[in-house]
Structure formats: structure tokens, C-alpha cells
PDB file of all heavy atoms in Angstrom:
ATOM      1  N   LEU A   1      63.497  10.117 -22.972  1.00  0.00           N
ATOM      2  CA  LEU A   1      63.900  10.954 -24.103  1.00  0.00           C
ATOM      3  C   LEU A   1      64.340  10.086 -25.287  1.00  0.00           C
ATOM      4  O   LEU A   1      64.082  10.426 -26.448  1.00  0.00           O
ATOM      5  CB  LEU A   1      65.020  11.905 -23.695  1.00  0.00           C
ATOM      6  CG  LEU A   1      64.689  12.891 -22.564  1.00  0.00           C
ATOM      7  CD1 LEU A   1      65.876  13.806 -22.292  1.00  0.00           C
ATOM      8  CD2 LEU A   1      63.455  13.715 -22.904  1.00  0.00           C
ATOM      9  N   GLN A   2      64.980   8.972 -24.991  1.00  0.00           N
ATOM     10  CA  GLN A   2      65.367   8.041 -26.060  1.00  0.00           C
ATOM     11  C   GLN A   2      64.142   7.417 -26.715  1.00  0.00           C
ATOM     12  O   GLN A   2      64.083   7.274 -27.946  1.00  0.00           O
ATOM     13  CB  GLN A   2      66.292   6.963 -25.489  1.00  0.00           C
ATOM     14  CG  GLN A   2      67.641   7.484 -25.038  1.00  0.00           C
ATOM     15  CD  GLN A   2      68.459   6.444 -24.285  1.00  0.00           C
ATOM     16  OE1 GLN A   2      68.053   5.283 -24.146  1.00  0.00           O
ATOM     17  NE2 GLN A   2      69.617   6.847 -23.779  1.00  0.00           N
ATOM     18  N   GLN A   3      63.141   7.073 -25.897  1.00  0.00           N
ATOM     19  CA  GLN A   3      61.899   6.530 -26.443  1.00  0.00           C
ATOM     20  C   GLN A   3      61.170   7.567 -27.286  1.00  0.00           C
ATOM     21  O   GLN A   3      60.563   7.250 -28.316  1.00  0.00           O
ATOM     22  CB  GLN A   3      60.992   6.056 -25.311  1.00  0.00           C
ATOM     23  CG  GLN A   3      61.510   4.838 -24.564  1.00  0.00           C
ATOM     24  CD  GLN A   3      60.654   4.485 -23.350  1.00  0.00           C
ATOM     25  OE1 GLN A   3      59.851   5.291 -22.879  1.00  0.00           O
ATOM     26  NE2 GLN A   3      60.841   3.274 -22.827  1.00  0.00           N
ATOM     27  N   LEU A   4      61.244   8.821 -26.848  1.00  0.00           N
ATOM     28  CA  LEU A   4      60.625   9.905 -27.605  1.00  0.00           C
ATOM     29  C   LEU A   4      61.263  10.004 -28.991  1.00  0.00           C
ATOM     30  O   LEU A   4      60.554  10.105 -30.006  1.00  0.00           O
ATOM     31  CB  LEU A   4      60.790  11.220 -26.836  1.00  0.00           C
ATOM     32  CG  LEU A   4      60.142  12.462 -27.441  1.00  0.00           C
ATOM     33  CD1 LEU A   4      58.628  12.310 -27.541  1.00  0.00           C
ATOM     34  CD2 LEU A   4      60.495  13.705 -26.598  1.00  0.00           C
ATOM     35  N   GLU A   5      62.582   9.944 -29.048  1.00  0.00           N
ATOM     36  CA  GLU A   5      63.239  10.013 -30.360  1.00  0.00           C
ATOM     37  C   GLU A   5      62.889   8.796 -31.207  1.00  0.00           C
ATOM     38  O   GLU A   5      62.709   8.914 -32.422  1.00  0.00           O
ATOM     39  CB  GLU A   5      64.755  10.134 -30.218  1.00  0.00           C
ATOM     40  CG  GLU A   5      65.454  10.197 -31.574  1.00  0.00           C
ATOM     41  CD  GLU A   5      66.777  10.924 -31.567  1.00  0.00           C
ATOM     42  OE1 GLU A   5      67.372  11.096 -30.478  1.00  0.00           O
ATOM     43  OE2 GLU A   5      67.214  11.331 -32.665  1.00  0.00           O
ATOM     44  N   ALA A   6      62.765   7.646 -30.583  1.00  0.00           N
ATOM     45  CA  ALA A   6      62.388   6.441 -31.340  1.00  0.00           C
ATOM     46  C   ALA A   6      61.026   6.626 -31.996  1.00  0.00           C
ATOM     47  O   ALA A   6      60.797   6.167 -33.133  1.00  0.00           O
ATOM     48  CB  ALA A   6      62.380   5.229 -30.414  1.00  0.00           C
ATOM     49  N   SER A   7      60.107   7.301 -31.320  1.00  0.00           N
ATOM     50  CA  SER A   7      58.790   7.569 -31.907  1.00  0.00           C
ATOM     51  C   SER A   7      58.901   8.510 -33.095  1.00  0.00           C
ATOM     52  O   SER A   7      58.202   8.347 -34.105  1.00  0.00           O
ATOM     53  CB  SER A   7      57.858   8.173 -30.850  1.00  0.00           C
ATOM     54  OG  SER A   7      57.599   7.247 -29.820  1.00  0.00           O
ATOM     55  N   PHE A   8      59.780   9.487 -33.007  1.00  0.00           N
ATOM     56  CA  PHE A   8      60.010  10.387 -34.141  1.00  0.00           C
ATOM     57  C   PHE A   8      60.604   9.623 -35.323  1.00  0.00           C
ATOM     58  O   PHE A   8      60.192   9.820 -36.473  1.00  0.00           O
ATOM     59  CB  PHE A   8      60.943  11.532 -33.735  1.00  0.00           C
ATOM     60  CG  PHE A   8      60.225  12.728 -33.161  1.00  0.00           C
ATOM     61  CD1 PHE A   8      59.888  12.774 -31.818  1.00  0.00           C
ATOM     62  CD2 PHE A   8      59.894  13.806 -33.958  1.00  0.00           C
ATOM     63  CE1 PHE A   8      59.231  13.870 -31.277  1.00  0.00           C
ATOM     64  CE2 PHE A   8      59.232  14.910 -33.440  1.00  0.00           C
ATOM     65  CZ  PHE A   8      58.902  14.947 -32.091  1.00  0.00           C
ATOM     66  N   VAL A   9      61.572   8.762 -35.037  1.00  0.00           N
ATOM     67  CA  VAL A   9      62.184   7.963 -36.104  1.00  0.00           C
ATOM     68  C   VAL A   9      61.128   7.122 -36.819  1.00  0.00           C
ATOM     69  O   VAL A   9      61.092   7.045 -38.047  1.00  0.00           O
ATOM     70  CB  VAL A   9      63.301   7.058 -35.532  1.00  0.00           C
ATOM     71  CG1 VAL A   9      63.784   6.065 -36.592  1.00  0.00           C
ATOM     72  CG2 VAL A   9      64.459   7.903 -35.021  1.00  0.00           C
ATOM     73  N   ALA A  10      60.245   6.530 -36.042  1.00  0.00           N
ATOM     74  CA  ALA A  10      59.244   5.620 -36.610  1.00  0.00           C
ATOM     75  C   ALA A  10      58.140   6.343 -37.370  1.00  0.00           C
ATOM     76  O   ALA A  10      57.605   5.803 -38.353  1.00  0.00           O
ATOM     77  CB  ALA A  10      58.638   4.772 -35.483  1.00  0.00           C
ATOM     78  N   HIS A  11      57.795   7.557 -36.948  1.00  0.00           N
ATOM     79  CA  HIS A  11      56.557   8.167 -37.454  1.00  0.00           C
ATOM     80  C   HIS A  11      56.717   9.520 -38.149  1.00  0.00           C
ATOM     81  O   HIS A  11      55.729  10.038 -38.677  1.00  0.00           O
ATOM     82  CB  HIS A  11      55.572   8.348 -36.292  1.00  0.00           C
ATOM     83  CG  HIS A  11      55.204   7.077 -35.597  1.00  0.00           C
ATOM     84  ND1 HIS A  11      54.471   6.076 -36.204  1.00  0.00           N
ATOM     85  CD2 HIS A  11      55.471   6.644 -34.335  1.00  0.00           C
ATOM     86  CE1 HIS A  11      54.290   5.088 -35.344  1.00  0.00           C
ATOM     87  NE2 HIS A  11      54.894   5.401 -34.210  1.00  0.00           N
ATOM     88  N   HIS A  12      57.905  10.101 -38.165  1.00  0.00           N
ATOM     89  CA  HIS A  12      58.027  11.501 -38.582  1.00  0.00           C
ATOM     90  C   HIS A  12      57.533  11.765 -40.001  1.00  0.00           C
ATOM     91  O   HIS A  12      57.038  12.857 -40.304  1.00  0.00           O
ATOM     92  CB  HIS A  12      59.473  11.994 -38.424  1.00  0.00           C
ATOM     93  CG  HIS A  12      60.437  11.383 -39.385  1.00  0.00           C
ATOM     94  ND1 HIS A  12      60.780  11.980 -40.584  1.00  0.00           N
ATOM     95  CD2 HIS A  12      61.135  10.214 -39.329  1.00  0.00           C
ATOM     96  CE1 HIS A  12      61.658  11.220 -41.207  1.00  0.00           C
ATOM     97  NE2 HIS A  12      61.882  10.145 -40.469  1.00  0.00           N
ATOM     98  N   GLN A  13      57.631  10.779 -40.873  1.00  0.00           N
ATOM     99  CA  GLN A  13      57.187  11.006 -42.260  1.00  0.00           C
ATOM    100  C   GLN A  13      55.675  11.199 -42.359  1.00  0.00           C
ATOM    101  O   GLN A  13      55.179  11.790 -43.321  1.00  0.00           O
ATOM    102  CB  GLN A  13      57.622   9.836 -43.143  1.00  0.00           C
ATOM    103  CG  GLN A  13      59.135   9.778 -43.354  1.00  0.00           C
ATOM    104  CD  GLN A  13      59.539   8.624 -44.255  1.00  0.00           C
ATOM    105  OE1 GLN A  13      58.890   7.567 -44.264  1.00  0.00           O
ATOM    106  NE2 GLN A  13      60.610   8.816 -45.015  1.00  0.00           N
ATOM    107  N   ASP A  14      54.960  10.734 -41.338  1.00  0.00           N
ATOM    108  CA  ASP A  14      53.498  10.869 -41.340  1.00  0.00           C
ATOM    109  C   ASP A  14      53.008  11.987 -40.423  1.00  0.00           C
ATOM    110  O   ASP A  14      51.806  12.266 -40.387  1.00  0.00           O
ATOM    111  CB  ASP A  14      52.855   9.552 -40.866  1.00  0.00           C
ATOM    112  CG  ASP A  14      53.188   8.389 -41.784  1.00  0.00           C
ATOM    113  OD1 ASP A  14      53.090   8.563 -43.005  1.00  0.00           O
ATOM    114  OD2 ASP A  14      53.566   7.320 -41.255  1.00  0.00           O
ATOM    115  N   VAL A  15      53.910  12.610 -39.681  1.00  0.00           N
ATOM    116  CA  VAL A  15      53.508  13.548 -38.624  1.00  0.00           C
ATOM    117  C   VAL A  15      53.692  14.995 -39.069  1.00  0.00           C
ATOM    118  O   VAL A  15      54.791  15.408 -39.458  1.00  0.00           O
ATOM    119  CB  VAL A  15      54.301  13.277 -37.335  1.00  0.00           C
ATOM    120  CG1 VAL A  15      54.017  14.355 -36.287  1.00  0.00           C
ATOM    121  CG2 VAL A  15      53.934  11.904 -36.776  1.00  0.00           C
ATOM    122  N   ALA A  16      52.606  15.766 -38.961  1.00  0.00           N
ATOM    123  CA  ALA A  16      52.654  17.186 -39.288  1.00  0.00           C
ATOM    124  C   ALA A  16      53.183  17.994 -38.111  1.00  0.00           C
ATOM    125  O   ALA A  16      53.958  18.944 -38.295  1.00  0.00           O
ATOM    126  CB  ALA A  16      51.268  17.683 -39.680  1.00  0.00           C
ATOM    127  N   ALA A  17      52.746  17.636 -36.902  1.00  0.00           N
ATOM    128  CA  ALA A  17      53.118  18.438 -35.736  1.00  0.00           C
ATOM    129  C   ALA A  17      53.032  17.617 -34.465  1.00  0.00           C
ATOM    130  O   ALA A  17      52.268  16.651 -34.382  1.00  0.00           O
ATOM    131  CB  ALA A  17      52.217  19.662 -35.618  1.00  0.00           C
ATOM    132  N   PHE A  18      53.823  18.023 -33.493  1.00  0.00           N
ATOM    133  CA  PHE A  18      53.722  17.510 -32.135  1.00  0.00           C
ATOM    134  C   PHE A  18      53.083  18.614 -31.304  1.00  0.00           C
ATOM    135  O   PHE A  18      53.544  19.751 -31.296  1.00  0.00           O
ATOM    136  CB  PHE A  18      55.112  17.177 -31.581  1.00  0.00           C
ATOM    137  CG  PHE A  18      55.086  16.356 -30.318  1.00  0.00           C
ATOM    138  CD1 PHE A  18      55.504  15.034 -30.326  1.00  0.00           C
ATOM    139  CD2 PHE A  18      54.663  16.895 -29.112  1.00  0.00           C
ATOM    140  CE1 PHE A  18      55.490  14.265 -29.161  1.00  0.00           C
ATOM    141  CE2 PHE A  18      54.632  16.138 -27.952  1.00  0.00           C
ATOM    142  CZ  PHE A  18      55.053  14.821 -27.977  1.00  0.00           C
ATOM    143  N   ILE A  19      51.995  18.294 -30.576  1.00  0.00           N
ATOM    144  CA  ILE A  19      51.314  19.274 -29.739  1.00  0.00           C
ATOM    145  C   ILE A  19      51.408  18.869 -28.279  1.00  0.00           C
ATOM    146  O   ILE A  19      51.233  17.690 -27.944  1.00  0.00           O
ATOM    147  CB  ILE A  19      49.843  19.469 -30.170  1.00  0.00           C
ATOM    148  CG1 ILE A  19      49.160  20.536 -29.289  1.00  0.00           C
ATOM    149  CG2 ILE A  19      49.065  18.166 -30.141  1.00  0.00           C
ATOM    150  CD1 ILE A  19      47.797  20.969 -29.799  1.00  0.00           C
ATOM    151  N   ILE A  20      51.710  19.842 -27.413  1.00  0.00           N
ATOM    152  CA  ILE A  20      51.831  19.557 -25.990  1.00  0.00           C
ATOM    153  C   ILE A  20      51.620  20.849 -25.197  1.00  0.00           C
ATOM    154  O   ILE A  20      51.863  21.949 -25.709  1.00  0.00           O
ATOM    155  CB  ILE A  20      53.208  18.947 -25.652  1.00  0.00           C
ATOM    156  CG1 ILE A  20      53.214  18.313 -24.252  1.00  0.00           C
ATOM    157  CG2 ILE A  20      54.325  19.968 -25.817  1.00  0.00           C
ATOM    158  CD1 ILE A  20      54.449  17.462 -23.955  1.00  0.00           C
ATOM    159  N   GLU A  21      51.157  20.706 -23.957  1.00  0.00           N
ATOM    160  CA  GLU A  21      51.116  21.821 -23.017  1.00  0.00           C
ATOM    161  C   GLU A  21      52.502  21.912 -22.372  1.00  0.00           C
ATOM    162  O   GLU A  21      52.956  20.948 -21.768  1.00  0.00           O
ATOM    163  CB  GLU A  21      50.068  21.571 -21.939  1.00  0.00           C
ATOM    164  CG  GLU A  21      48.654  21.390 -22.471  1.00  0.00           C
ATOM    165  CD  GLU A  21      47.814  20.530 -21.540  1.00  0.00           C
ATOM    166  OE1 GLU A  21      47.936  19.286 -21.601  1.00  0.00           O
ATOM    167  OE2 GLU A  21      47.044  21.111 -20.745  1.00  0.00           O
ATOM    168  N   PRO A  22      53.169  23.033 -22.479  1.00  0.00           N
ATOM    169  CA  PRO A  22      54.533  23.110 -21.959  1.00  0.00           C
ATOM    170  C   PRO A  22      54.588  23.149 -20.433  1.00  0.00           C
ATOM    171  O   PRO A  22      53.829  23.886 -19.789  1.00  0.00           O
ATOM    172  CB  PRO A  22      55.069  24.426 -22.552  1.00  0.00           C
ATOM    173  CG  PRO A  22      53.858  25.231 -22.842  1.00  0.00           C
ATOM    174  CD  PRO A  22      52.777  24.256 -23.188  1.00  0.00           C
ATOM    175  N   ILE A  23      55.413  22.319 -19.858  1.00  0.00           N
ATOM    176  CA  ILE A  23      55.770  22.270 -18.436  1.00  0.00           C
ATOM    177  C   ILE A  23      54.649  21.733 -17.545  1.00  0.00           C
ATOM    178  O   ILE A  23      54.892  20.945 -16.633  1.00  0.00           O
ATOM    179  CB  ILE A  23      56.257  23.650 -17.916  1.00  0.00           C
ATOM    180  CG1 ILE A  23      57.440  24.137 -18.771  1.00  0.00           C
ATOM    181  CG2 ILE A  23      56.649  23.573 -16.450  1.00  0.00           C
ATOM    182  CD1 ILE A  23      58.630  23.199 -18.787  1.00  0.00           C
ATOM    183  N   VAL A  24      53.408  22.153 -17.778  1.00  0.00           N
ATOM    184  CA  VAL A  24      52.290  21.670 -16.962  1.00  0.00           C
ATOM    185  C   VAL A  24      51.202  21.113 -17.870  1.00  0.00           C
ATOM    186  O   VAL A  24      50.607  21.854 -18.658  1.00  0.00           O
ATOM    187  CB  VAL A  24      51.689  22.787 -16.082  1.00  0.00           C
ATOM    188  CG1 VAL A  24      50.520  22.237 -15.257  1.00  0.00           C
ATOM    189  CG2 VAL A  24      52.745  23.390 -15.162  1.00  0.00           C
ATOM    190  N   GLN A  25      50.967  19.800 -17.785  1.00  0.00           N
ATOM    191  CA  GLN A  25      49.789  19.214 -18.431  1.00  0.00           C
ATOM    192  C   GLN A  25      48.635  19.413 -17.455  1.00  0.00           C
ATOM    193  O   GLN A  25      48.626  18.848 -16.371  1.00  0.00           O
ATOM    194  CB  GLN A  25      50.029  17.739 -18.722  1.00  0.00           C
ATOM    195  CG  GLN A  25      51.077  17.494 -19.803  1.00  0.00           C
ATOM    196  CD  GLN A  25      51.260  16.016 -20.085  1.00  0.00           C
ATOM    197  OE1 GLN A  25      51.800  15.291 -19.258  1.00  0.00           O
ATOM    198  NE2 GLN A  25      50.799  15.567 -21.240  1.00  0.00           N
ATOM    199  N   ASN A  26      47.665  20.192 -17.827  1.00  0.00           N
ATOM    200  CA  ASN A  26      46.689  20.717 -16.884  1.00  0.00           C
ATOM    201  C   ASN A  26      45.526  19.761 -16.637  1.00  0.00           C
ATOM    202  O   ASN A  26      45.594  18.911 -15.762  1.00  0.00           O
ATOM    203  CB  ASN A  26      46.224  22.090 -17.347  1.00  0.00           C
ATOM    204  CG  ASN A  26      47.328  23.128 -17.213  1.00  0.00           C
ATOM    205  OD1 ASN A  26      47.506  23.727 -16.169  1.00  0.00           O
ATOM    206  ND2 ASN A  26      48.098  23.336 -18.275  1.00  0.00           N
ATOM    207  N   ALA A  27      44.437  19.893 -17.366  1.00  0.00           N
ATOM    208  CA  ALA A  27      43.226  19.117 -17.075  1.00  0.00           C
ATOM    209  C   ALA A  27      43.418  17.618 -17.268  1.00  0.00           C
ATOM    210  O   ALA A  27      42.590  16.818 -16.835  1.00  0.00           O
ATOM    211  CB  ALA A  27      42.062  19.609 -17.929  1.00  0.00           C
ATOM    212  N   GLY A  28      44.517  17.199 -17.884  1.00  0.00           N
ATOM    213  CA  GLY A  28      44.803  15.781 -18.029  1.00  0.00           C
ATOM    214  C   GLY A  28      45.429  15.158 -16.799  1.00  0.00           C
ATOM    215  O   GLY A  28      45.716  13.959 -16.788  1.00  0.00           O
ATOM    216  N   GLY A  29      45.674  15.946 -15.754  1.00  0.00           N
ATOM    217  CA  GLY A  29      46.235  15.371 -14.537  1.00  0.00           C
ATOM    218  C   GLY A  29      47.186  16.265 -13.773  1.00  0.00           C
ATOM    219  O   GLY A  29      47.840  15.817 -12.835  1.00  0.00           O
ATOM    220  N   MET A  30      47.307  17.528 -14.148  1.00  0.00           N
ATOM    221  CA  MET A  30      48.193  18.466 -13.456  1.00  0.00           C
ATOM    222  C   MET A  30      49.603  17.881 -13.309  1.00  0.00           C
ATOM    223  O   MET A  30      50.176  17.816 -12.217  1.00  0.00           O
ATOM    224  CB  MET A  30      47.613  18.845 -12.079  1.00  0.00           C
ATOM    225  CG  MET A  30      46.371  19.699 -12.178  1.00  0.00           C
ATOM    226  SD  MET A  30      46.745  21.332 -12.839  1.00  0.00           S
ATOM    227  CE  MET A  30      45.091  22.040 -12.909  1.00  0.00           C
ATOM    228  N   ASN A  31      50.155  17.454 -14.424  1.00  0.00           N
ATOM    229  CA  ASN A  31      51.488  16.854 -14.454  1.00  0.00           C
ATOM    230  C   ASN A  31      52.527  17.945 -14.704  1.00  0.00           C
ATOM    231  O   ASN A  31      52.532  18.578 -15.755  1.00  0.00           O
ATOM    232  CB  ASN A  31      51.534  15.797 -15.573  1.00  0.00           C
ATOM    233  CG  ASN A  31      52.887  15.135 -15.687  1.00  0.00           C
ATOM    234  OD1 ASN A  31      53.577  14.931 -14.691  1.00  0.00           O
ATOM    235  ND2 ASN A  31      53.289  14.799 -16.912  1.00  0.00           N
TER     236      ASN A  31
END
């Protein structure tokens, strides 16, 4: 979670949106 925030700090000015499959990442590996 700390690394995730570090990515936001570094890139947020260039980022329009964060996209993710909630709770289950499906065809990418059933995570």
C-alpha cells in the first residue's frame, strides 16, 4: 500500500484514471 501511494505521488499529474477489476483479477490469473 505504501508502494502504491508512492506511484501516485510520482505520477498523479499525468494520470487520468486508475483502472482495476475489484477483488478478483480474472483472466489475468484469477487473483
